[in-house]
Amino acid sequence: MIAQFLVLAVFPVLLLLAAGWDLASFTIPNAISLAMASTFLILALAVGMPAGMLGWHAAAGFVGLLVGFLLFALGFIGGGDAKLFASVALLFGVHDALPYALIASLFGGGLTLGLLVMRRLPLPEFLARPWLLRLHDAREGVPYGVALAAGAFVLLPYTEIFRLAAGG
């Protein structure tokens, strides 16, 4: 029962928080990524995850962190995005990390293209809110946390961790 709660409630709420925070401020607090990693550890204990499987999940999280920080160092994503990617990779494990990266990348590309188009158009006065003005500003980056969360939501029902939490 706790496993289902973690996968169906806690993890989605953390994803929504990360996406919303990134959309509003172009940052993702470390506490969200830490909470996601902690949620995974509690989930692993709750389902009695074998040590070997736990190791593969840790490896996916580590590789996710390396890839994320490489993209951060190259200036493609922010540090919060890198940590969010790593924490989702930790949860999804080696089996589902690559499909997650692909799906999140597609959402990221769509988000980027959408923002490029939107930023060329005038923002209607009635939408002039601080966070929308910032999102509309061509000098700002892209809140990739939104794409990372969207990718996780799309893939989650098809992941091994989802099946494990469901008991089968």
N, C-alpha and C. Protein backbone atom coordinates (compact mmCIF):
# COMPACT_ATOMS: atom_id res chain seq x y z
N MET A 1 0.82 -1.20 0.00
CA MET A 1 0.00 0.00 0.00
C MET A 1 0.87 1.26 0.00
N ILE A 2 1.94 1.27 0.81
CA ILE A 2 2.81 2.45 0.83
C ILE A 2 3.51 2.63 -0.51
N ALA A 3 3.85 1.52 -1.17
CA ALA A 3 4.52 1.61 -2.47
C ALA A 3 3.62 2.31 -3.49
N GLN A 4 2.35 1.92 -3.52
CA GLN A 4 1.42 2.57 -4.46
C GLN A 4 1.27 4.05 -4.15
N PHE A 5 1.19 4.38 -2.87
CA PHE A 5 1.07 5.79 -2.47
C PHE A 5 2.28 6.59 -2.94
N LEU A 6 3.46 6.02 -2.78
CA LEU A 6 4.67 6.73 -3.19
C LEU A 6 4.71 6.96 -4.71
N VAL A 7 4.35 5.92 -5.46
CA VAL A 7 4.42 6.01 -6.93
C VAL A 7 3.26 6.81 -7.51
N LEU A 8 2.08 6.68 -6.92
CA LEU A 8 0.90 7.34 -7.49
C LEU A 8 0.60 8.72 -6.90
N ALA A 9 1.19 9.04 -5.75
CA ALA A 9 0.89 10.34 -5.13
C ALA A 9 2.15 11.17 -4.88
N VAL A 10 3.08 10.62 -4.12
CA VAL A 10 4.26 11.41 -3.73
C VAL A 10 5.11 11.78 -4.95
N PHE A 11 5.46 10.79 -5.74
CA PHE A 11 6.29 11.07 -6.90
C PHE A 11 5.63 12.07 -7.85
N PRO A 12 4.34 11.89 -8.23
CA PRO A 12 3.71 12.90 -9.10
C PRO A 12 3.64 14.30 -8.49
N VAL A 13 3.39 14.39 -7.18
CA VAL A 13 3.36 15.71 -6.55
C VAL A 13 4.72 16.37 -6.63
N LEU A 14 5.78 15.61 -6.40
CA LEU A 14 7.13 16.16 -6.50
C LEU A 14 7.45 16.60 -7.92
N LEU A 15 7.00 15.83 -8.90
CA LEU A 15 7.19 16.23 -10.30
C LEU A 15 6.45 17.53 -10.61
N LEU A 16 5.21 17.64 -10.13
CA LEU A 16 4.44 18.86 -10.35
C LEU A 16 5.10 20.06 -9.67
N LEU A 17 5.61 19.85 -8.46
CA LEU A 17 6.31 20.93 -7.77
C LEU A 17 7.54 21.38 -8.55
N ALA A 18 8.31 20.41 -9.03
CA ALA A 18 9.52 20.75 -9.80
C ALA A 18 9.16 21.53 -11.06
N ALA A 19 8.16 21.04 -11.80
CA ALA A 19 7.76 21.71 -13.04
C ALA A 19 7.22 23.11 -12.75
N GLY A 20 6.35 23.22 -11.76
CA GLY A 20 5.78 24.52 -11.42
C GLY A 20 6.82 25.51 -10.95
N TRP A 21 7.72 25.04 -10.11
CA TRP A 21 8.77 25.92 -9.60
C TRP A 21 9.66 26.40 -10.74
N ASP A 22 10.01 25.48 -11.63
CA ASP A 22 10.88 25.84 -12.75
C ASP A 22 10.16 26.81 -13.69
N LEU A 23 8.90 26.57 -13.93
CA LEU A 23 8.13 27.46 -14.79
C LEU A 23 8.04 28.87 -14.22
N ALA A 24 7.87 28.95 -12.91
CA ALA A 24 7.68 30.25 -12.26
C ALA A 24 9.00 30.99 -12.00
N SER A 25 10.09 30.24 -11.78
CA SER A 25 11.32 30.91 -11.34
C SER A 25 12.59 30.49 -12.08
N PHE A 26 12.48 29.53 -13.00
CA PHE A 26 13.63 28.99 -13.70
C PHE A 26 14.64 28.37 -12.73
N THR A 27 14.14 27.85 -11.63
CA THR A 27 14.96 27.12 -10.68
C THR A 27 14.17 25.91 -10.17
N ILE A 28 14.90 24.90 -9.72
CA ILE A 28 14.29 23.74 -9.07
C ILE A 28 15.05 23.56 -7.76
N PRO A 29 14.37 23.72 -6.63
CA PRO A 29 15.07 23.60 -5.36
C PRO A 29 15.67 22.20 -5.16
N ASN A 30 16.85 22.17 -4.56
CA ASN A 30 17.50 20.90 -4.26
C ASN A 30 16.61 19.99 -3.43
N ALA A 31 15.79 20.58 -2.58
CA ALA A 31 14.93 19.79 -1.69
C ALA A 31 14.00 18.87 -2.49
N ILE A 32 13.57 19.31 -3.66
CA ILE A 32 12.68 18.47 -4.47
C ILE A 32 13.42 17.24 -4.97
N SER A 33 14.61 17.43 -5.51
CA SER A 33 15.39 16.28 -6.00
C SER A 33 15.77 15.36 -4.85
N LEU A 34 16.11 15.93 -3.70
CA LEU A 34 16.43 15.10 -2.53
C LEU A 34 15.20 14.33 -2.06
N ALA A 35 14.05 14.97 -2.10
CA ALA A 35 12.81 14.28 -1.71
C ALA A 35 12.50 13.14 -2.67
N MET A 36 12.79 13.34 -3.95
CA MET A 36 12.55 12.28 -4.93
C MET A 36 13.48 11.10 -4.67
N ALA A 37 14.74 11.38 -4.39
CA ALA A 37 15.70 10.31 -4.09
C ALA A 37 15.29 9.59 -2.81
N SER A 38 14.86 10.34 -1.82
CA SER A 38 14.40 9.73 -0.57
C SER A 38 13.16 8.88 -0.79
N THR A 39 12.27 9.37 -1.62
CA THR A 39 11.06 8.61 -1.96
C THR A 39 11.44 7.28 -2.59
N PHE A 40 12.44 7.31 -3.47
CA PHE A 40 12.88 6.06 -4.08
C PHE A 40 13.42 5.10 -3.02
N LEU A 41 14.22 5.60 -2.11
CA LEU A 41 14.79 4.71 -1.07
C LEU A 41 13.70 4.10 -0.21
N ILE A 42 12.71 4.89 0.16
CA ILE A 42 11.59 4.37 0.95
C ILE A 42 10.82 3.33 0.13
N LEU A 43 10.62 3.62 -1.15
CA LEU A 43 9.93 2.69 -2.04
C LEU A 43 10.71 1.38 -2.16
N ALA A 44 12.02 1.47 -2.33
CA ALA A 44 12.85 0.27 -2.44
C ALA A 44 12.72 -0.60 -1.19
N LEU A 45 12.70 0.02 -0.03
CA LEU A 45 12.51 -0.73 1.21
C LEU A 45 11.11 -1.31 1.29
N ALA A 46 10.13 -0.53 0.88
CA ALA A 46 8.73 -0.97 0.98
C ALA A 46 8.44 -2.19 0.11
N VAL A 47 9.07 -2.28 -1.04
CA VAL A 47 8.81 -3.41 -1.94
C VAL A 47 9.83 -4.53 -1.77
N GLY A 48 10.79 -4.32 -0.88
CA GLY A 48 11.82 -5.34 -0.68
C GLY A 48 12.69 -5.52 -1.91
N MET A 49 13.09 -4.42 -2.49
CA MET A 49 13.90 -4.47 -3.72
C MET A 49 15.21 -5.21 -3.45
N PRO A 50 15.54 -6.19 -4.29
CA PRO A 50 16.80 -6.91 -4.12
C PRO A 50 18.00 -5.96 -4.29
N ALA A 51 19.10 -6.30 -3.62
CA ALA A 51 20.29 -5.45 -3.65
C ALA A 51 20.80 -5.23 -5.07
N GLY A 52 20.76 -6.26 -5.90
CA GLY A 52 21.22 -6.10 -7.28
C GLY A 52 20.40 -5.09 -8.04
N MET A 53 19.10 -5.13 -7.89
CA MET A 53 18.22 -4.18 -8.56
C MET A 53 18.45 -2.78 -8.02
N LEU A 54 18.63 -2.68 -6.71
CA LEU A 54 18.91 -1.38 -6.08
C LEU A 54 20.19 -0.80 -6.66
N GLY A 55 21.19 -1.65 -6.87
CA GLY A 55 22.45 -1.21 -7.46
C GLY A 55 22.27 -0.67 -8.87
N TRP A 56 21.43 -1.33 -9.67
CA TRP A 56 21.17 -0.85 -11.03
C TRP A 56 20.43 0.48 -11.03
N HIS A 57 19.54 0.66 -10.09
CA HIS A 57 18.85 1.96 -9.97
C HIS A 57 19.85 3.04 -9.57
N ALA A 58 20.74 2.71 -8.62
CA ALA A 58 21.76 3.68 -8.21
C ALA A 58 22.67 4.02 -9.39
N ALA A 59 23.02 3.01 -10.19
CA ALA A 59 23.86 3.26 -11.37
C ALA A 59 23.15 4.19 -12.34
N ALA A 60 21.85 3.98 -12.55
CA ALA A 60 21.09 4.86 -13.46
C ALA A 60 21.09 6.29 -12.92
N GLY A 61 20.89 6.45 -11.62
CA GLY A 61 20.92 7.78 -11.03
C GLY A 61 22.28 8.44 -11.17
N PHE A 62 23.35 7.66 -10.98
CA PHE A 62 24.71 8.19 -11.09
C PHE A 62 24.99 8.62 -12.53
N VAL A 63 24.66 7.76 -13.49
CA VAL A 63 24.86 8.11 -14.90
C VAL A 63 24.00 9.33 -15.26
N GLY A 64 22.77 9.37 -14.74
CA GLY A 64 21.92 10.53 -14.97
C GLY A 64 22.53 11.81 -14.44
N LEU A 65 23.17 11.71 -13.27
CA LEU A 65 23.84 12.87 -12.69
C LEU A 65 25.03 13.30 -13.55
N LEU A 66 25.81 12.33 -14.02
CA LEU A 66 26.96 12.65 -14.89
C LEU A 66 26.50 13.32 -16.19
N VAL A 67 25.50 12.73 -16.83
CA VAL A 67 24.98 13.30 -18.08
C VAL A 67 24.39 14.69 -17.82
N GLY A 68 23.62 14.80 -16.73
CA GLY A 68 23.01 16.09 -16.40
C GLY A 68 24.04 17.16 -16.16
N PHE A 69 25.09 16.83 -15.41
CA PHE A 69 26.11 17.85 -15.15
C PHE A 69 26.97 18.16 -16.37
N LEU A 70 27.12 17.19 -17.27
CA LEU A 70 27.79 17.48 -18.54
C LEU A 70 26.96 18.50 -19.33
N LEU A 71 25.65 18.26 -19.42
CA LEU A 71 24.77 19.21 -20.12
C LEU A 71 24.75 20.57 -19.43
N PHE A 72 24.82 20.56 -18.09
CA PHE A 72 24.89 21.81 -17.33
C PHE A 72 26.21 22.54 -17.65
N ALA A 73 27.32 21.80 -17.64
CA ALA A 73 28.62 22.41 -17.91
C ALA A 73 28.68 23.00 -19.31
N LEU A 74 27.97 22.38 -20.25
CA LEU A 74 27.93 22.88 -21.62
C LEU A 74 26.93 24.02 -21.79
N GLY A 75 26.16 24.31 -20.74
CA GLY A 75 25.22 25.43 -20.78
C GLY A 75 23.88 25.11 -21.40
N PHE A 76 23.58 23.81 -21.57
CA PHE A 76 22.31 23.44 -22.19
C PHE A 76 21.15 23.41 -21.19
N ILE A 77 21.43 23.05 -19.94
CA ILE A 77 20.39 22.98 -18.91
C ILE A 77 20.92 23.59 -17.63
N GLY A 78 20.03 23.83 -16.68
CA GLY A 78 20.43 24.35 -15.39
C GLY A 78 20.81 23.22 -14.43
N GLY A 79 21.42 23.59 -13.33
CA GLY A 79 21.83 22.61 -12.33
C GLY A 79 20.65 21.89 -11.70
N GLY A 80 19.55 22.59 -11.49
CA GLY A 80 18.35 21.96 -10.94
C GLY A 80 17.78 20.92 -11.89
N ASP A 81 17.84 21.22 -13.19
CA ASP A 81 17.39 20.26 -14.20
C ASP A 81 18.25 19.00 -14.15
N ALA A 82 19.56 19.18 -14.01
CA ALA A 82 20.48 18.04 -13.95
C ALA A 82 20.15 17.15 -12.76
N LYS A 83 19.90 17.76 -11.62
CA LYS A 83 19.60 16.98 -10.41
C LYS A 83 18.23 16.32 -10.51
N LEU A 84 17.27 17.01 -11.10
CA LEU A 84 15.94 16.41 -11.29
C LEU A 84 16.05 15.21 -12.23
N PHE A 85 16.78 15.35 -13.32
CA PHE A 85 16.96 14.24 -14.25
C PHE A 85 17.58 13.04 -13.53
N ALA A 86 18.59 13.29 -12.72
CA ALA A 86 19.26 12.20 -12.00
C ALA A 86 18.31 11.52 -11.02
N SER A 87 17.49 12.29 -10.33
CA SER A 87 16.59 11.68 -9.35
C SER A 87 15.49 10.86 -10.03
N VAL A 88 15.03 11.29 -11.19
CA VAL A 88 14.05 10.50 -11.93
C VAL A 88 14.72 9.25 -12.50
N ALA A 89 15.95 9.38 -13.00
CA ALA A 89 16.69 8.21 -13.49
C ALA A 89 16.90 7.20 -12.36
N LEU A 90 17.17 7.68 -11.15
CA LEU A 90 17.31 6.80 -9.99
C LEU A 90 16.02 6.01 -9.77
N LEU A 91 14.91 6.67 -9.83
CA LEU A 91 13.63 6.00 -9.62
C LEU A 91 13.33 5.01 -10.75
N PHE A 92 13.58 5.41 -11.98
CA PHE A 92 13.23 4.57 -13.12
C PHE A 92 14.20 3.42 -13.32
N GLY A 93 15.45 3.58 -12.94
CA GLY A 93 16.43 2.51 -13.09
C GLY A 93 16.95 2.39 -14.51
N VAL A 94 17.94 1.52 -14.66
CA VAL A 94 18.62 1.35 -15.95
C VAL A 94 17.65 0.96 -17.06
N HIS A 95 16.70 0.10 -16.75
CA HIS A 95 15.77 -0.39 -17.76
C HIS A 95 14.96 0.73 -18.41
N ASP A 96 14.57 1.73 -17.62
CA ASP A 96 13.67 2.77 -18.13
C ASP A 96 14.32 4.15 -18.25
N ALA A 97 15.59 4.29 -17.90
CA ALA A 97 16.24 5.60 -17.94
C ALA A 97 16.43 6.11 -19.37
N LEU A 98 16.81 5.23 -20.28
CA LEU A 98 17.02 5.67 -21.66
C LEU A 98 15.72 6.08 -22.34
N PRO A 99 14.64 5.28 -22.24
CA PRO A 99 13.37 5.77 -22.80
C PRO A 99 12.94 7.09 -22.16
N TYR A 100 13.20 7.23 -20.85
CA TYR A 100 12.85 8.49 -20.18
C TYR A 100 13.63 9.65 -20.79
N ALA A 101 14.93 9.45 -20.97
CA ALA A 101 15.75 10.52 -21.55
C ALA A 101 15.25 10.91 -22.94
N LEU A 102 14.87 9.93 -23.73
CA LEU A 102 14.37 10.20 -25.08
C LEU A 102 13.06 10.98 -25.03
N ILE A 103 12.12 10.51 -24.22
CA ILE A 103 10.81 11.18 -24.14
C ILE A 103 10.96 12.58 -23.58
N ALA A 104 11.76 12.74 -22.53
CA ALA A 104 11.97 14.07 -21.95
C ALA A 104 12.65 15.00 -22.94
N SER A 105 13.57 14.44 -23.74
CA SER A 105 14.24 15.26 -24.77
C SER A 105 13.25 15.74 -25.82
N LEU A 106 12.33 14.87 -26.21
CA LEU A 106 11.31 15.28 -27.18
C LEU A 106 10.43 16.39 -26.61
N PHE A 107 10.03 16.22 -25.35
CA PHE A 107 9.25 17.29 -24.72
C PHE A 107 10.07 18.57 -24.60
N GLY A 108 11.35 18.43 -24.28
CA GLY A 108 12.23 19.60 -24.18
C GLY A 108 12.37 20.32 -25.51
N GLY A 109 12.50 19.56 -26.59
CA GLY A 109 12.56 20.17 -27.92
C GLY A 109 11.28 20.89 -28.27
N GLY A 110 10.15 20.25 -27.97
CA GLY A 110 8.85 20.89 -28.23
C GLY A 110 8.67 22.15 -27.40
N LEU A 111 9.07 22.08 -26.14
CA LEU A 111 8.97 23.25 -25.26
C LEU A 111 9.84 24.39 -25.78
N THR A 112 11.05 24.05 -26.19
CA THR A 112 11.96 25.07 -26.72
C THR A 112 11.40 25.72 -27.97
N LEU A 113 10.92 24.89 -28.89
CA LEU A 113 10.34 25.45 -30.12
C LEU A 113 9.11 26.31 -29.81
N GLY A 114 8.27 25.83 -28.90
CA GLY A 114 7.10 26.60 -28.52
C GLY A 114 7.46 27.95 -27.92
N LEU A 115 8.49 27.95 -27.06
CA LEU A 115 8.92 29.23 -26.47
C LEU A 115 9.53 30.15 -27.51
N LEU A 116 10.29 29.59 -28.44
CA LEU A 116 10.88 30.43 -29.50
C LEU A 116 9.79 31.12 -30.31
N VAL A 117 8.75 30.39 -30.63
CA VAL A 117 7.64 30.98 -31.38
C VAL A 117 6.90 32.01 -30.52
N MET A 118 6.58 31.61 -29.29
CA MET A 118 5.84 32.50 -28.39
C MET A 118 6.60 33.80 -28.14
N ARG A 119 7.90 33.71 -28.01
CA ARG A 119 8.71 34.90 -27.70
C ARG A 119 8.81 35.86 -28.87
N ARG A 120 8.45 35.43 -30.06
CA ARG A 120 8.44 36.32 -31.22
C ARG A 120 7.12 37.10 -31.32
N LEU A 121 6.12 36.65 -30.60
CA LEU A 121 4.81 37.29 -30.64
C LEU A 121 4.66 38.22 -29.44
N PRO A 122 3.89 39.28 -29.59
CA PRO A 122 3.67 40.16 -28.43
C PRO A 122 2.82 39.44 -27.37
N LEU A 123 3.15 39.68 -26.13
CA LEU A 123 2.39 39.11 -25.03
C LEU A 123 1.18 40.01 -24.78
N PRO A 124 -0.03 39.44 -24.85
CA PRO A 124 -1.21 40.28 -24.59
C PRO A 124 -1.15 40.89 -23.19
N GLU A 125 -1.63 42.09 -23.08
CA GLU A 125 -1.56 42.85 -21.82
C GLU A 125 -2.21 42.10 -20.66
N PHE A 126 -3.31 41.42 -20.92
CA PHE A 126 -4.02 40.73 -19.83
C PHE A 126 -3.23 39.52 -19.31
N LEU A 127 -2.19 39.09 -20.01
CA LEU A 127 -1.35 37.98 -19.56
C LEU A 127 -0.06 38.47 -18.89
N ALA A 128 0.09 39.76 -18.75
CA ALA A 128 1.33 40.33 -18.23
C ALA A 128 1.47 40.08 -16.72
N ARG A 129 1.85 38.88 -16.38
CA ARG A 129 2.16 38.49 -15.00
C ARG A 129 3.67 38.34 -14.91
N PRO A 130 4.27 38.58 -13.75
CA PRO A 130 5.74 38.51 -13.66
C PRO A 130 6.34 37.21 -14.21
N TRP A 131 5.76 36.07 -13.87
CA TRP A 131 6.35 34.81 -14.33
C TRP A 131 6.15 34.61 -15.83
N LEU A 132 5.03 35.10 -16.38
CA LEU A 132 4.81 35.01 -17.83
C LEU A 132 5.70 35.99 -18.59
N LEU A 133 5.91 37.17 -18.02
CA LEU A 133 6.82 38.12 -18.65
C LEU A 133 8.23 37.54 -18.73
N ARG A 134 8.64 36.89 -17.67
CA ARG A 134 9.97 36.27 -17.65
C ARG A 134 10.03 35.11 -18.65
N LEU A 135 8.99 34.30 -18.69
CA LEU A 135 8.94 33.19 -19.63
C LEU A 135 8.95 33.68 -21.07
N HIS A 136 8.36 34.84 -21.29
CA HIS A 136 8.27 35.43 -22.63
C HIS A 136 9.56 36.14 -23.04
N ASP A 137 10.42 36.42 -22.11
CA ASP A 137 11.66 37.16 -22.37
C ASP A 137 12.66 36.29 -23.14
N ALA A 138 13.05 36.74 -24.31
CA ALA A 138 13.97 35.97 -25.17
C ALA A 138 15.35 35.82 -24.54
N ARG A 139 15.69 36.63 -23.56
CA ARG A 139 17.01 36.52 -22.91
C ARG A 139 17.03 35.42 -21.85
N GLU A 140 15.86 34.92 -21.50
CA GLU A 140 15.76 33.86 -20.50
C GLU A 140 15.97 32.50 -21.14
N GLY A 141 16.22 31.53 -20.30
CA GLY A 141 16.43 30.17 -20.78
C GLY A 141 15.11 29.43 -20.96
N VAL A 142 15.19 28.12 -20.86
CA VAL A 142 14.03 27.26 -21.03
C VAL A 142 13.85 26.47 -19.73
N PRO A 143 12.65 26.46 -19.17
CA PRO A 143 12.42 25.70 -17.93
C PRO A 143 12.28 24.20 -18.23
N TYR A 144 13.42 23.55 -18.45
CA TYR A 144 13.41 22.14 -18.85
C TYR A 144 12.81 21.22 -17.79
N GLY A 145 12.69 21.70 -16.56
CA GLY A 145 12.03 20.89 -15.53
C GLY A 145 10.62 20.51 -15.94
N VAL A 146 9.97 21.36 -16.72
CA VAL A 146 8.63 21.07 -17.24
C VAL A 146 8.69 19.86 -18.17
N ALA A 147 9.67 19.84 -19.06
CA ALA A 147 9.82 18.72 -20.00
C ALA A 147 10.23 17.45 -19.27
N LEU A 148 11.10 17.59 -18.27
CA LEU A 148 11.53 16.41 -17.51
C LEU A 148 10.35 15.80 -16.76
N ALA A 149 9.52 16.64 -16.18
CA ALA A 149 8.34 16.14 -15.47
C ALA A 149 7.35 15.52 -16.44
N ALA A 150 7.12 16.16 -17.57
CA ALA A 150 6.18 15.62 -18.56
C ALA A 150 6.64 14.26 -19.05
N GLY A 151 7.93 14.12 -19.33
CA GLY A 151 8.46 12.84 -19.76
C GLY A 151 8.26 11.76 -18.71
N ALA A 152 8.46 12.12 -17.45
CA ALA A 152 8.27 11.15 -16.36
C ALA A 152 6.81 10.74 -16.26
N PHE A 153 5.89 11.69 -16.39
CA PHE A 153 4.46 11.36 -16.32
C PHE A 153 4.04 10.42 -17.44
N VAL A 154 4.56 10.66 -18.64
CA VAL A 154 4.19 9.82 -19.78
C VAL A 154 4.70 8.39 -19.60
N LEU A 155 5.93 8.26 -19.13
CA LEU A 155 6.55 6.94 -19.04
C LEU A 155 6.18 6.17 -17.78
N LEU A 156 5.89 6.86 -16.71
CA LEU A 156 5.70 6.21 -15.40
C LEU A 156 4.82 4.96 -15.43
N PRO A 157 3.64 4.97 -16.05
CA PRO A 157 2.79 3.77 -15.99
C PRO A 157 3.39 2.54 -16.69
N TYR A 158 4.43 2.74 -17.46
CA TYR A 158 5.03 1.64 -18.22
C TYR A 158 6.37 1.17 -17.64
N THR A 159 6.75 1.70 -16.50
CA THR A 159 8.06 1.41 -15.93
C THR A 159 8.05 0.18 -15.03
N GLU A 160 9.23 -0.38 -14.86
CA GLU A 160 9.39 -1.51 -13.93
C GLU A 160 9.03 -1.11 -12.51
N ILE A 161 9.41 0.09 -12.11
CA ILE A 161 9.14 0.52 -10.73
C ILE A 161 7.63 0.64 -10.49
N PHE A 162 6.89 1.03 -11.51
CA PHE A 162 5.44 1.13 -11.40
C PHE A 162 4.85 -0.28 -11.21
N ARG A 163 5.31 -1.21 -12.02
CA ARG A 163 4.83 -2.60 -11.90
C ARG A 163 5.22 -3.20 -10.55
N LEU A 164 6.43 -2.90 -10.09
CA LEU A 164 6.89 -3.41 -8.82
C LEU A 164 6.04 -2.85 -7.68
N ALA A 165 5.73 -1.56 -7.74
CA ALA A 165 4.90 -0.95 -6.71
C ALA A 165 3.48 -1.47 -6.73
N ALA A 166 3.02 -1.85 -7.93
CA ALA A 166 1.66 -2.38 -8.06
C ALA A 166 1.58 -3.84 -7.59
N GLY A 167 2.75 -4.43 -7.33
CA GLY A 167 2.74 -5.78 -6.83
C GLY A 167 2.80 -6.86 -7.90
N GLY A 168 3.23 -6.50 -9.06
CA GLY A 168 3.29 -7.51 -10.11
C GLY A 168 4.08 -7.08 -11.21
